[in-house]
Amino acid sequence: MSVGIAWLLRQPGLGLALRAGRSGQERLIDFVQPTELVDPRPWLSGGELVLTTGLGLRDEEGGDYVRRLAEAGIAALGFGTGLSHEQIPPSVLEAADAAGLALLEVPYTTPFAAVSRAVTTRLAEQEYELVRRAADTQVRITRAALRGGVTAIVRELAVSTSASVVYVAERDDAVIAHPMPAPDLTEPIAEARRDGTGSVTLIRPGRTVTVQPVVHGGIVNGYLAVQADRPLQNVELVLIGHAVSLVTLELDKPRRLRNERNDLGSKVFDLLAAGLLDAGDALEYLADAVGRRNRVRVLRLSTPHSSEVRRHLDVVLDARRRPLYSREEGDELTVLLRGDDSISDVTAMLADLPTKHARPLRTGLSPAHRIAEVRQGLEQAEHALRTTDATCRIAEFDATHGTALLASPQVRSVLESVAASTVTVLAAYDRERGAQLVPSLRAFLEANGHWESAAAALDVHRHTLRGRIAKIEQLLDVDLGDARVRAELLLAVLIADAPTS
């Protein structure tokens, strides 16, 4: 805030008169500084109305005195007459005209304190007026937010500050600006992005830009940028902060609605999984989460960072305009996906997880099911999860691959018992005699008892293979011509080869 020289000259009772430096009378006075120092430059910062009686100033020094004040960037010089000098020295008048520094005569009857009080009072009035206008503007911006959201906030802030205002969304770089077309704020916004969540202010001749991030929950949703052709006042910065808060609240409305929808859908998913809700009733609430032909898949995740992984999936699905219906149980997270989501889609959803969260994560995905078969999908996702290990962290349940039974802990326990009395016996024989009974048995069983195929896989003559199979039947006291015996032994061989979890 500042006071114009013309305004000061018009104040009754002061009796001030402009004596020289008329070309500088458009300058603005920030405050009043009385001083009798011949060189007060070390104590000046620019914009002052310097008041002096020229107490220690000789007439011939007037030119240098004025030039020093002009170099300091003062707004004007008030020279009091009738005390040290009956009139303003000619050297001061000439130098003021040459420097374009407004020179005011202060009559003997006008105390310097009266001049200071007039300027201070006017500055206080301006301050009050600015605060009052800012309060009114805050009300208008708030009302605008209720009526027109972010677009209205941007427009009202631009009108109130006489500046250009732009909001840029972080997700898709969508731009809301007033007035249009939007000024190019690429550089300061890019700088704000590099700095994380910090604000950026650039002040250049004829241009001031401030960029404020709009942050909610630690996530930057966008940037509000204001560009003016002058320095921004403190009260205007307060208005910008208020606008940022309103934009944050406005952007938070969909988030709150999404959270409520996710919570409701997750509860319905939980009731459906527990068999406490009819599939038809559940579909009314879960319709926005199912895929084509009302099919769903169940994703089961095992991780010590389940909450962080859930938040990550929420962001990913939100970007795809999809809800997140989930169940969190200790270190395991269950998510309802669309039936047309593939294993590659799941991999893409988890691709940007931080390394510390991704490293221990293991994931199982069920096949597509009708909504009424969610419980079956839960079991299959769990089976798929149990097949994962450090080298294969994501698996899809597929009964046609012959590994579904091996994923069940109960079945594994039975098969491990069978393997202990069969495969282990053959392995011990192989170690003692240098035989190849275990690989021969596996090749024979995987070839469905076809001698030529099994012998070719082992690269041995079929008669050699027949001899080995006969030895196996003798050691185990079994008949490998029986399909049920072959099936049980194949599973025993597979479980013996499978890594322990």
Protein backbone atom coordinates (compact mmCIF):
# COMPACT_ATOMS: atom_id res chain seq x y z
CA MET A 1 0.00 0.00 0.00
CA SER A 2 1.14 3.55 -0.72
CA VAL A 3 0.07 7.19 -0.90
CA GLY A 4 0.13 9.31 -4.02
CA ILE A 5 1.98 12.64 -4.01
CA ALA A 6 -1.00 14.37 -5.58
CA TRP A 7 -3.22 13.12 -2.73
CA LEU A 8 -0.78 14.43 -0.14
CA LEU A 9 -0.69 17.87 -1.79
CA ARG A 10 -4.48 18.07 -1.58
CA GLN A 11 -4.68 17.50 2.17
CA PRO A 12 -6.06 20.55 3.94
CA GLY A 13 -4.07 21.99 6.81
CA LEU A 14 -0.71 20.76 5.58
CA GLY A 15 -0.03 23.57 3.15
CA LEU A 16 2.38 21.50 1.05
CA ALA A 17 3.44 22.75 -2.37
CA LEU A 18 5.25 21.07 -5.27
CA ARG A 19 8.31 23.23 -6.05
CA ALA A 20 10.32 21.03 -8.44
CA GLY A 21 10.62 17.57 -9.98
CA ARG A 22 7.16 17.58 -11.49
CA SER A 23 8.07 14.61 -13.75
CA GLY A 24 8.35 12.44 -10.64
CA GLN A 25 5.05 13.33 -9.01
CA GLU A 26 3.43 10.04 -10.08
CA ARG A 27 5.62 8.08 -7.68
CA LEU A 28 4.01 6.48 -4.63
CA ILE A 29 5.01 7.05 -1.02
CA ASP A 30 5.36 3.91 1.15
CA PHE A 31 6.23 5.72 4.39
CA VAL A 32 7.69 8.94 5.81
CA GLN A 33 11.30 9.24 6.99
CA PRO A 34 12.40 12.51 8.69
CA THR A 35 16.22 12.89 8.77
CA GLU A 36 18.80 15.65 8.98
CA LEU A 37 21.67 13.47 7.80
CA VAL A 38 23.53 14.82 4.81
CA ASP A 39 23.86 11.25 3.46
CA PRO A 40 21.02 9.05 4.80
CA ARG A 41 21.38 6.41 2.09
CA PRO A 42 22.46 3.54 4.44
CA TRP A 43 19.13 3.92 6.27
CA LEU A 44 16.88 4.15 3.20
CA SER A 45 15.26 1.29 1.30
CA GLY A 46 13.34 3.18 -1.40
CA GLY A 47 9.80 4.54 -1.62
CA GLU A 48 10.19 7.01 1.27
CA LEU A 49 9.07 10.61 1.60
CA VAL A 50 12.20 12.07 3.16
CA LEU A 51 11.55 15.14 5.35
CA THR A 52 14.43 17.54 6.16
CA THR A 53 15.04 21.12 7.19
CA GLY A 54 18.52 20.99 5.64
CA LEU A 55 20.01 21.57 9.08
CA GLY A 56 23.57 20.63 8.11
CA LEU A 57 23.23 21.29 4.39
CA ARG A 58 25.15 24.17 2.77
CA ASP A 59 23.58 25.75 -0.29
CA GLU A 60 26.35 24.55 -2.62
CA GLU A 61 25.89 20.94 -1.44
CA GLY A 62 22.26 20.78 -2.48
CA GLY A 63 22.88 19.12 -5.85
CA ASP A 64 24.91 16.23 -4.44
CA TYR A 65 22.39 15.77 -1.63
CA VAL A 66 19.45 15.40 -4.02
CA ARG A 67 21.38 13.07 -6.32
CA ARG A 68 22.22 10.80 -3.38
CA LEU A 69 18.53 10.61 -2.40
CA ALA A 70 17.52 9.89 -6.00
CA GLU A 71 20.05 7.05 -6.13
CA ALA A 72 18.45 5.58 -2.98
CA GLY A 73 15.11 5.43 -4.82
CA ILE A 74 13.07 7.64 -2.53
CA ALA A 75 9.59 8.69 -3.69
CA ALA A 76 9.83 12.39 -2.84
CA LEU A 77 11.68 14.98 -0.79
CA GLY A 78 9.90 17.30 1.63
CA PHE A 79 11.98 20.38 2.49
CA GLY A 80 10.94 22.37 5.55
CA THR A 81 11.48 26.11 5.21
CA GLY A 82 11.63 28.83 7.81
CA LEU A 83 14.13 27.17 10.14
CA SER A 84 17.59 26.40 8.69
CA HIS A 85 16.66 27.84 5.31
CA GLU A 86 14.13 30.55 4.64
CA GLN A 87 13.70 29.16 1.13
CA ILE A 88 14.63 25.93 -0.62
CA PRO A 89 18.21 26.35 -1.94
CA PRO A 90 18.36 26.83 -5.74
CA SER A 91 20.85 23.93 -6.03
CA VAL A 92 18.24 21.63 -4.50
CA LEU A 93 15.52 22.89 -6.86
CA GLU A 94 17.73 22.46 -9.94
CA ALA A 95 18.91 18.97 -8.94
CA ALA A 96 15.33 17.83 -8.18
CA ASP A 97 14.19 18.90 -11.66
CA ALA A 98 17.19 17.18 -13.24
CA ALA A 99 16.62 13.92 -11.32
CA GLY A 100 12.84 13.96 -11.74
CA LEU A 101 12.46 13.81 -7.94
CA ALA A 102 9.30 15.46 -6.62
CA LEU A 103 10.28 18.26 -4.22
CA LEU A 104 7.65 19.45 -1.73
CA GLU A 105 7.93 22.58 0.37
CA VAL A 106 6.80 22.10 3.98
CA PRO A 107 5.97 25.45 5.55
CA TYR A 108 7.28 26.39 8.98
CA THR A 109 3.77 26.13 10.44
CA THR A 110 3.39 22.47 9.42
CA PRO A 111 5.09 19.99 11.79
CA PHE A 112 6.76 17.02 10.19
CA ALA A 113 4.68 14.90 12.56
CA ALA A 114 1.51 16.18 10.86
CA VAL A 115 2.79 15.02 7.49
CA SER A 116 3.79 11.63 8.92
CA ARG A 117 0.39 11.28 10.61
CA ALA A 118 -1.48 12.07 7.41
CA VAL A 119 0.46 9.45 5.43
CA THR A 120 0.24 6.84 8.22
CA THR A 121 -3.50 7.38 8.60
CA ARG A 122 -4.03 7.02 4.87
CA LEU A 123 -1.98 3.82 4.78
CA ALA A 124 -4.02 2.43 7.70
CA GLU A 125 -7.24 3.30 5.88
CA GLN A 126 -5.96 1.51 2.80
CA GLU A 127 -4.98 -1.48 4.92
CA TYR A 128 -8.43 -1.61 6.47
CA GLU A 129 -10.10 -1.19 3.11
CA LEU A 130 -7.97 -3.97 1.63
CA VAL A 131 -8.73 -6.31 4.53
CA ARG A 132 -12.45 -5.52 4.27
CA ARG A 133 -12.35 -6.06 0.52
CA ALA A 134 -10.46 -9.32 1.04
CA ALA A 135 -13.10 -10.51 3.53
CA ASP A 136 -15.86 -9.65 1.05
CA THR A 137 -13.90 -11.41 -1.68
CA GLN A 138 -13.49 -14.53 0.46
CA VAL A 139 -17.27 -14.64 0.85
CA ARG A 140 -17.77 -14.21 -2.90
CA ILE A 141 -15.21 -16.92 -3.74
CA THR A 142 -16.85 -19.28 -1.24
CA ARG A 143 -20.31 -18.64 -2.70
CA ALA A 144 -18.89 -19.09 -6.19
CA ALA A 145 -17.47 -22.48 -5.15
CA LEU A 146 -20.92 -23.61 -4.00
CA ARG A 147 -22.47 -22.58 -7.30
CA GLY A 148 -19.85 -23.41 -9.90
CA GLY A 149 -17.03 -25.48 -8.39
CA VAL A 150 -13.42 -25.02 -9.47
CA THR A 151 -14.32 -23.02 -12.59
CA ALA A 152 -16.17 -20.41 -10.51
CA ILE A 153 -13.36 -20.26 -7.93
CA VAL A 154 -10.80 -19.54 -10.65
CA ARG A 155 -12.98 -16.87 -12.26
CA GLU A 156 -13.77 -15.07 -8.98
CA LEU A 157 -10.12 -15.08 -7.84
CA ALA A 158 -9.02 -13.65 -11.20
CA VAL A 159 -11.59 -10.85 -11.05
CA SER A 160 -10.80 -10.01 -7.41
CA THR A 161 -7.03 -9.81 -7.92
CA SER A 162 -7.10 -8.39 -11.47
CA ALA A 163 -4.75 -11.20 -12.43
CA SER A 164 -4.73 -14.27 -14.67
CA VAL A 165 -5.58 -17.47 -12.79
CA VAL A 166 -5.06 -21.02 -14.04
CA TYR A 167 -5.80 -24.40 -12.44
CA VAL A 168 -4.00 -27.40 -13.97
CA ALA A 169 -5.10 -30.90 -12.94
CA GLU A 170 -2.24 -33.25 -12.13
CA ARG A 171 -3.95 -36.39 -13.45
CA ASP A 172 -4.72 -35.33 -17.02
CA ASP A 173 -3.29 -31.79 -17.32
CA ALA A 174 -6.82 -30.40 -17.84
CA VAL A 175 -6.79 -26.58 -17.66
CA ILE A 176 -9.34 -24.19 -16.12
CA ALA A 177 -8.40 -20.56 -16.66
CA HIS A 178 -9.68 -16.99 -16.46
CA PRO A 179 -9.43 -14.99 -18.53
CA MET A 180 -9.04 -17.22 -21.57
CA PRO A 181 -6.79 -18.00 -23.32
CA ALA A 182 -4.69 -19.18 -20.41
CA PRO A 183 -1.23 -17.62 -20.01
CA ASP A 184 1.72 -19.91 -20.56
CA LEU A 185 2.70 -21.09 -17.06
CA THR A 186 4.50 -24.24 -18.17
CA GLU A 187 7.85 -23.26 -16.63
CA PRO A 188 6.71 -22.38 -13.07
CA ILE A 189 4.29 -25.34 -12.89
CA ALA A 190 7.05 -27.71 -14.05
CA GLU A 191 9.31 -26.21 -11.35
CA ALA A 192 6.62 -26.79 -8.71
CA ARG A 193 6.32 -30.41 -9.83
CA ARG A 194 10.08 -30.89 -9.55
CA ASP A 195 10.01 -29.48 -6.03
CA GLY A 196 7.35 -31.94 -4.90
CA THR A 197 4.59 -30.31 -2.87
CA GLY A 198 6.30 -26.90 -2.49
CA SER A 199 5.01 -23.64 -3.92
CA VAL A 200 6.93 -21.54 -6.45
CA THR A 201 6.97 -17.75 -6.89
CA LEU A 202 8.74 -16.04 -9.79
CA ILE A 203 9.19 -12.26 -9.74
CA ARG A 204 10.44 -10.64 -12.93
CA PRO A 205 10.13 -7.15 -14.40
CA GLY A 206 6.47 -6.65 -15.24
CA ARG A 207 5.51 -10.19 -14.23
CA THR A 208 4.83 -11.98 -10.95
CA VAL A 209 3.79 -15.64 -10.93
CA THR A 210 2.92 -17.75 -7.91
CA VAL A 211 2.12 -21.47 -8.17
CA GLN A 212 0.45 -23.24 -5.25
CA PRO A 213 -0.05 -27.04 -5.16
CA VAL A 214 -3.51 -28.36 -4.32
CA VAL A 215 -2.76 -31.24 -1.96
CA HIS A 216 -5.12 -33.71 -0.30
CA GLY A 217 -4.07 -36.73 1.71
CA GLY A 218 -0.43 -36.12 0.78
CA ILE A 219 -1.24 -36.38 -2.95
CA VAL A 220 -0.94 -33.41 -5.32
CA ASN A 221 -4.22 -33.12 -7.25
CA GLY A 222 -3.22 -30.07 -9.27
CA TYR A 223 -1.69 -26.58 -9.26
CA LEU A 224 -3.29 -23.14 -8.93
CA ALA A 225 -1.21 -20.50 -10.69
CA VAL A 226 -1.72 -16.73 -10.53
CA GLN A 227 0.05 -14.31 -12.88
CA ALA A 228 -0.01 -10.53 -12.40
CA ASP A 229 1.81 -7.61 -14.05
CA ARG A 230 2.82 -6.28 -10.60
CA PRO A 231 3.93 -7.62 -7.22
CA LEU A 232 1.13 -9.40 -5.38
CA GLN A 233 0.03 -7.84 -2.09
CA ASN A 234 -0.08 -9.84 1.13
CA VAL A 235 -3.85 -9.77 1.27
CA GLU A 236 -3.98 -11.11 -2.28
CA LEU A 237 -1.72 -13.96 -1.21
CA VAL A 238 -4.22 -14.67 1.56
CA LEU A 239 -7.00 -14.80 -1.06
CA ILE A 240 -4.93 -17.21 -3.14
CA GLY A 241 -4.47 -19.45 -0.09
CA HIS A 242 -8.22 -19.32 0.54
CA ALA A 243 -8.89 -20.28 -3.09
CA VAL A 244 -6.48 -23.22 -2.81
CA SER A 245 -8.38 -24.45 0.27
CA LEU A 246 -11.70 -24.17 -1.56
CA VAL A 247 -10.35 -26.02 -4.60
CA THR A 248 -9.06 -28.76 -2.28
CA LEU A 249 -12.50 -29.11 -0.68
CA GLU A 250 -14.18 -29.11 -4.08
CA LEU A 251 -11.89 -31.83 -5.40
CA ASP A 252 -12.40 -33.79 -2.20
CA LYS A 253 -16.15 -34.13 -2.82
CA PRO A 254 -15.75 -36.93 -5.41
CA ARG A 255 -13.15 -38.57 -3.16
CA ARG A 256 -15.54 -38.63 -0.21
CA LEU A 257 -18.32 -39.98 -2.40
CA ARG A 258 -15.94 -42.60 -3.81
CA ASN A 259 -14.84 -43.67 -0.33
CA GLU A 260 -18.46 -44.04 0.77
CA ARG A 261 -19.31 -46.03 -2.35
CA ASN A 262 -16.23 -48.24 -1.87
CA ASP A 263 -17.16 -48.87 1.77
CA LEU A 264 -20.73 -49.84 0.87
CA GLY A 265 -19.63 -52.10 -2.00
CA SER A 266 -16.98 -53.75 0.18
CA LYS A 267 -19.56 -54.54 2.85
CA VAL A 268 -21.85 -56.08 0.23
CA PHE A 269 -18.90 -58.09 -1.13
CA ASP A 270 -18.17 -59.29 2.40
CA LEU A 271 -21.79 -60.36 2.98
CA LEU A 272 -21.87 -62.13 -0.39
CA ALA A 273 -18.63 -63.97 0.35
CA ALA A 274 -20.03 -65.07 3.71
CA GLY A 275 -23.18 -66.43 2.04
CA LEU A 276 -25.37 -63.91 3.91
CA LEU A 277 -26.64 -62.03 0.85
CA ASP A 278 -28.44 -63.21 -2.25
CA ALA A 279 -26.49 -62.76 -5.49
CA GLY A 280 -29.37 -60.88 -7.13
CA ASP A 281 -29.52 -58.35 -4.30
CA ALA A 282 -25.73 -58.03 -4.25
CA LEU A 283 -25.61 -57.30 -7.99
CA GLU A 284 -27.63 -54.11 -7.47
CA TYR A 285 -24.76 -52.73 -5.38
CA LEU A 286 -21.84 -54.32 -7.25
CA ALA A 287 -23.01 -53.68 -10.81
CA ASP A 288 -20.31 -51.07 -11.45
CA ALA A 289 -17.61 -53.60 -10.54
CA VAL A 290 -18.63 -56.51 -12.79
CA GLY A 291 -17.53 -57.10 -16.35
CA ARG A 292 -19.31 -58.28 -19.47
CA ARG A 293 -22.07 -60.86 -18.96
CA ASN A 294 -22.02 -59.98 -15.23
CA ARG A 295 -18.81 -61.91 -14.62
CA VAL A 296 -16.32 -61.18 -11.84
CA ARG A 297 -12.89 -62.39 -10.83
CA VAL A 298 -11.41 -62.52 -7.36
CA LEU A 299 -7.91 -61.22 -6.70
CA ARG A 300 -6.18 -62.48 -3.56
CA LEU A 301 -3.05 -60.66 -2.37
CA SER A 302 -0.71 -61.65 0.43
CA THR A 303 1.45 -58.81 1.75
CA PRO A 304 2.58 -57.28 5.03
CA HIS A 305 1.70 -53.92 3.45
CA SER A 306 -1.98 -54.61 2.72
CA SER A 307 -3.15 -51.08 3.57
CA GLU A 308 -0.55 -49.48 1.28
CA VAL A 309 -1.35 -51.91 -1.55
CA ARG A 310 -5.06 -51.20 -1.11
CA ARG A 311 -4.46 -47.44 -1.40
CA HIS A 312 -2.37 -48.03 -4.53
CA LEU A 313 -5.12 -50.12 -6.14
CA ASP A 314 -7.68 -47.47 -5.20
CA VAL A 315 -5.70 -44.83 -7.08
CA VAL A 316 -5.21 -47.12 -10.09
CA LEU A 317 -8.89 -48.10 -10.32
CA ASP A 318 -10.02 -44.54 -9.70
CA ALA A 319 -7.97 -43.47 -12.72
CA ARG A 320 -9.93 -46.06 -14.71
CA ARG A 321 -13.24 -44.73 -13.32
CA ARG A 322 -13.80 -47.96 -11.41
CA PRO A 323 -14.61 -48.65 -7.75
CA LEU A 324 -12.52 -50.68 -5.31
CA TYR A 325 -14.51 -53.35 -3.49
CA SER A 326 -12.19 -55.21 -1.15
CA ARG A 327 -11.79 -57.20 2.04
CA GLU A 328 -8.75 -56.76 4.27
CA GLU A 329 -7.84 -59.56 6.67
CA GLY A 330 -4.48 -59.14 8.36
CA ASP A 331 -1.77 -59.67 5.76
CA GLU A 332 -4.23 -60.67 3.05
CA LEU A 333 -6.29 -58.44 0.79
CA THR A 334 -9.13 -59.62 -1.44
CA VAL A 335 -10.32 -57.47 -4.34
CA LEU A 336 -13.32 -57.90 -6.65
CA LEU A 337 -12.35 -57.41 -10.31
CA ARG A 338 -14.22 -57.56 -13.57
CA GLY A 339 -14.56 -60.87 -15.33
CA ASP A 340 -12.70 -59.51 -18.36
CA ASP A 341 -9.66 -58.41 -16.33
CA SER A 342 -6.69 -60.55 -17.37
CA ILE A 343 -3.53 -61.54 -15.53
CA SER A 344 -1.70 -58.88 -17.56
CA ASP A 345 -4.22 -56.27 -16.38
CA VAL A 346 -3.46 -57.24 -12.78
CA THR A 347 0.26 -57.02 -13.47
CA ALA A 348 -0.23 -53.51 -14.89
CA MET A 349 -2.27 -52.45 -11.85
CA LEU A 350 0.58 -53.45 -9.55
CA ALA A 351 3.43 -52.26 -11.79
CA ASP A 352 4.02 -48.91 -10.08
CA LEU A 353 4.08 -50.20 -6.52
CA PRO A 354 7.13 -49.01 -4.55
CA THR A 355 9.80 -51.71 -4.40
CA LYS A 356 9.47 -52.15 -0.64
CA HIS A 357 5.76 -52.96 -1.10
CA ALA A 358 6.15 -55.00 -4.30
CA ARG A 359 8.97 -57.27 -3.14
CA PRO A 360 6.99 -59.33 -0.57
CA LEU A 361 3.71 -59.25 -2.54
CA ARG A 362 2.21 -62.50 -3.83
CA THR A 363 -1.01 -62.62 -5.82
CA GLY A 364 -3.57 -65.20 -6.92
CA LEU A 365 -6.34 -64.62 -9.48
CA SER A 366 -9.49 -66.71 -9.95
CA PRO A 367 -11.17 -67.45 -13.29
CA ALA A 368 -14.27 -65.45 -14.29
CA HIS A 369 -17.46 -66.39 -12.41
CA ARG A 370 -21.03 -65.32 -12.16
CA ILE A 371 -21.70 -63.14 -9.15
CA ALA A 372 -23.43 -66.05 -7.47
CA GLU A 373 -20.16 -68.03 -7.62
CA VAL A 374 -18.02 -65.52 -5.73
CA ARG A 375 -17.30 -67.99 -2.92
CA GLN A 376 -15.89 -70.44 -5.45
CA GLY A 377 -13.78 -67.63 -6.88
CA LEU A 378 -12.46 -66.88 -3.41
CA GLU A 379 -11.30 -70.47 -2.98
CA GLN A 380 -9.69 -70.59 -6.41
CA ALA A 381 -7.89 -67.27 -5.87
CA GLU A 382 -6.57 -68.67 -2.60
CA HIS A 383 -5.39 -71.86 -4.36
CA ALA A 384 -3.64 -69.77 -7.02
CA LEU A 385 -2.01 -67.66 -4.32
CA ARG A 386 -0.58 -70.78 -2.64
CA THR A 387 1.21 -71.76 -5.86
CA THR A 388 3.27 -68.55 -5.88
CA ASP A 389 6.82 -68.29 -4.59
CA ALA A 390 9.80 -65.96 -4.75
CA THR A 391 10.30 -66.63 -8.47
CA CYS A 392 6.62 -66.51 -9.45
CA ARG A 393 4.78 -63.84 -7.46
CA ILE A 394 1.54 -63.80 -9.41
CA ALA A 395 -0.50 -66.82 -10.49
CA GLU A 396 -3.85 -67.52 -12.13
CA PHE A 397 -6.01 -70.47 -11.14
CA ASP A 398 -6.46 -72.86 -14.05
CA ALA A 399 -7.64 -76.41 -13.37
CA THR A 400 -6.63 -77.45 -16.90
CA HIS A 401 -2.94 -77.05 -16.03
CA GLY A 402 -2.99 -79.89 -13.51
CA THR A 403 -1.83 -77.82 -10.56
CA ALA A 404 -5.13 -76.93 -8.89
CA LEU A 405 -5.07 -79.85 -6.45
CA LEU A 406 -1.49 -79.09 -5.46
CA ALA A 407 -2.53 -75.65 -4.25
CA SER A 408 -4.76 -77.06 -1.51
CA PRO A 409 -2.93 -77.51 1.84
CA GLN A 410 -5.16 -80.46 2.75
CA VAL A 411 -4.53 -82.23 -0.56
CA ARG A 412 -0.82 -81.47 -0.40
CA SER A 413 -0.65 -83.09 3.03
CA VAL A 414 -2.21 -86.32 1.73
CA LEU A 415 -0.05 -86.36 -1.40
CA GLU A 416 3.12 -85.74 0.60
CA SER A 417 2.25 -88.81 2.66
CA VAL A 418 1.78 -90.87 -0.50
CA ALA A 419 5.07 -89.56 -1.91
CA ALA A 420 6.90 -90.52 1.28
CA SER A 421 5.97 -94.19 0.81
CA THR A 422 6.46 -94.30 -2.95
CA VAL A 423 8.62 -91.64 -4.60
CA THR A 424 10.99 -91.49 -1.64
CA VAL A 425 11.53 -95.29 -1.87
CA LEU A 426 12.36 -95.04 -5.57
CA ALA A 427 14.66 -92.05 -5.02
CA ALA A 428 16.59 -94.00 -2.38
CA TYR A 429 16.96 -96.93 -4.80
CA ASP A 430 18.24 -94.52 -7.48
CA ARG A 431 20.89 -93.13 -5.15
CA GLU A 432 22.08 -96.57 -4.06
CA ARG A 433 22.09 -98.26 -7.48
CA GLY A 434 22.56 -95.36 -9.86
CA ALA A 435 19.20 -96.19 -11.44
CA GLN A 436 16.75 -93.80 -13.08
CA LEU A 437 13.45 -95.05 -11.66
CA VAL A 438 11.93 -91.71 -10.58
CA PRO A 439 12.45 -89.86 -13.90
CA SER A 440 11.35 -93.04 -15.76
CA LEU A 441 8.16 -93.22 -13.70
CA ARG A 442 7.38 -89.55 -14.31
CA ALA A 443 7.96 -89.82 -18.07
CA PHE A 444 5.81 -92.96 -18.23
CA LEU A 445 2.95 -91.37 -16.24
CA GLU A 446 3.03 -88.04 -18.13
CA ALA A 447 2.91 -90.01 -21.40
CA ASN A 448 -0.27 -91.71 -20.13
CA GLY A 449 1.45 -95.12 -20.24
CA HIS A 450 2.53 -94.80 -23.89
CA TRP A 451 5.83 -96.69 -24.13
CA GLU A 452 7.21 -95.13 -27.30
CA SER A 453 6.55 -91.53 -26.19
CA ALA A 454 7.96 -92.10 -22.71
CA ALA A 455 11.09 -93.87 -24.04
CA ALA A 456 11.67 -91.06 -26.55
CA ALA A 457 11.36 -88.43 -23.79
CA LEU A 458 14.00 -90.35 -21.76
CA ASP A 459 16.12 -91.08 -24.82
CA VAL A 460 16.23 -94.81 -23.98
CA HIS A 461 15.04 -97.97 -25.73
CA ARG A 462 11.49 -98.99 -24.88
CA HIS A 463 12.71 -102.34 -23.57
CA THR A 464 14.96 -100.46 -21.10
CA LEU A 465 11.94 -98.49 -19.97
CA ARG A 466 9.83 -101.66 -19.62
CA GLY A 467 12.50 -103.10 -17.35
CA ARG A 468 12.51 -100.01 -15.15
CA ILE A 469 8.73 -99.93 -14.88
CA ALA A 470 8.69 -103.58 -13.91
CA LYS A 471 11.22 -102.81 -11.18
CA ILE A 472 9.04 -99.94 -9.93
CA GLU A 473 5.99 -102.22 -9.75
CA GLN A 474 8.03 -104.73 -7.78
CA LEU A 475 9.44 -102.18 -5.29
CA LEU A 476 6.09 -100.46 -4.70
CA ASP A 477 3.92 -103.55 -5.07
CA VAL A 478 1.59 -101.76 -7.51
CA ASP A 479 0.06 -102.36 -10.93
CA LEU A 480 0.78 -99.45 -13.24
CA GLY A 481 -1.79 -100.77 -15.66
CA ASP A 482 -4.43 -99.40 -13.26
CA ALA A 483 -5.34 -95.79 -14.26
CA ARG A 484 -6.19 -94.83 -10.66
CA VAL A 485 -2.78 -96.02 -9.47
CA ARG A 486 -1.08 -94.05 -12.23
CA ALA A 487 -3.07 -90.89 -11.33
CA GLU A 488 -2.16 -91.12 -7.65
CA LEU A 489 1.50 -91.76 -8.37
CA LEU A 490 1.70 -88.85 -10.84
CA LEU A 491 0.38 -86.46 -8.19
CA ALA A 492 2.86 -87.93 -5.70
CA VAL A 493 5.72 -87.30 -8.14
CA LEU A 494 4.51 -83.73 -8.75
CA ILE A 495 4.23 -82.96 -5.04
CA ALA A 496 7.70 -84.36 -4.47
CA ASP A 497 9.10 -82.01 -7.12
CA ALA A 498 7.09 -78.99 -6.00
CA PRO A 499 8.90 -76.42 -3.82
CA THR A 500 7.72 -76.19 -0.25
CA SER A 501 5.86 -72.98 0.69
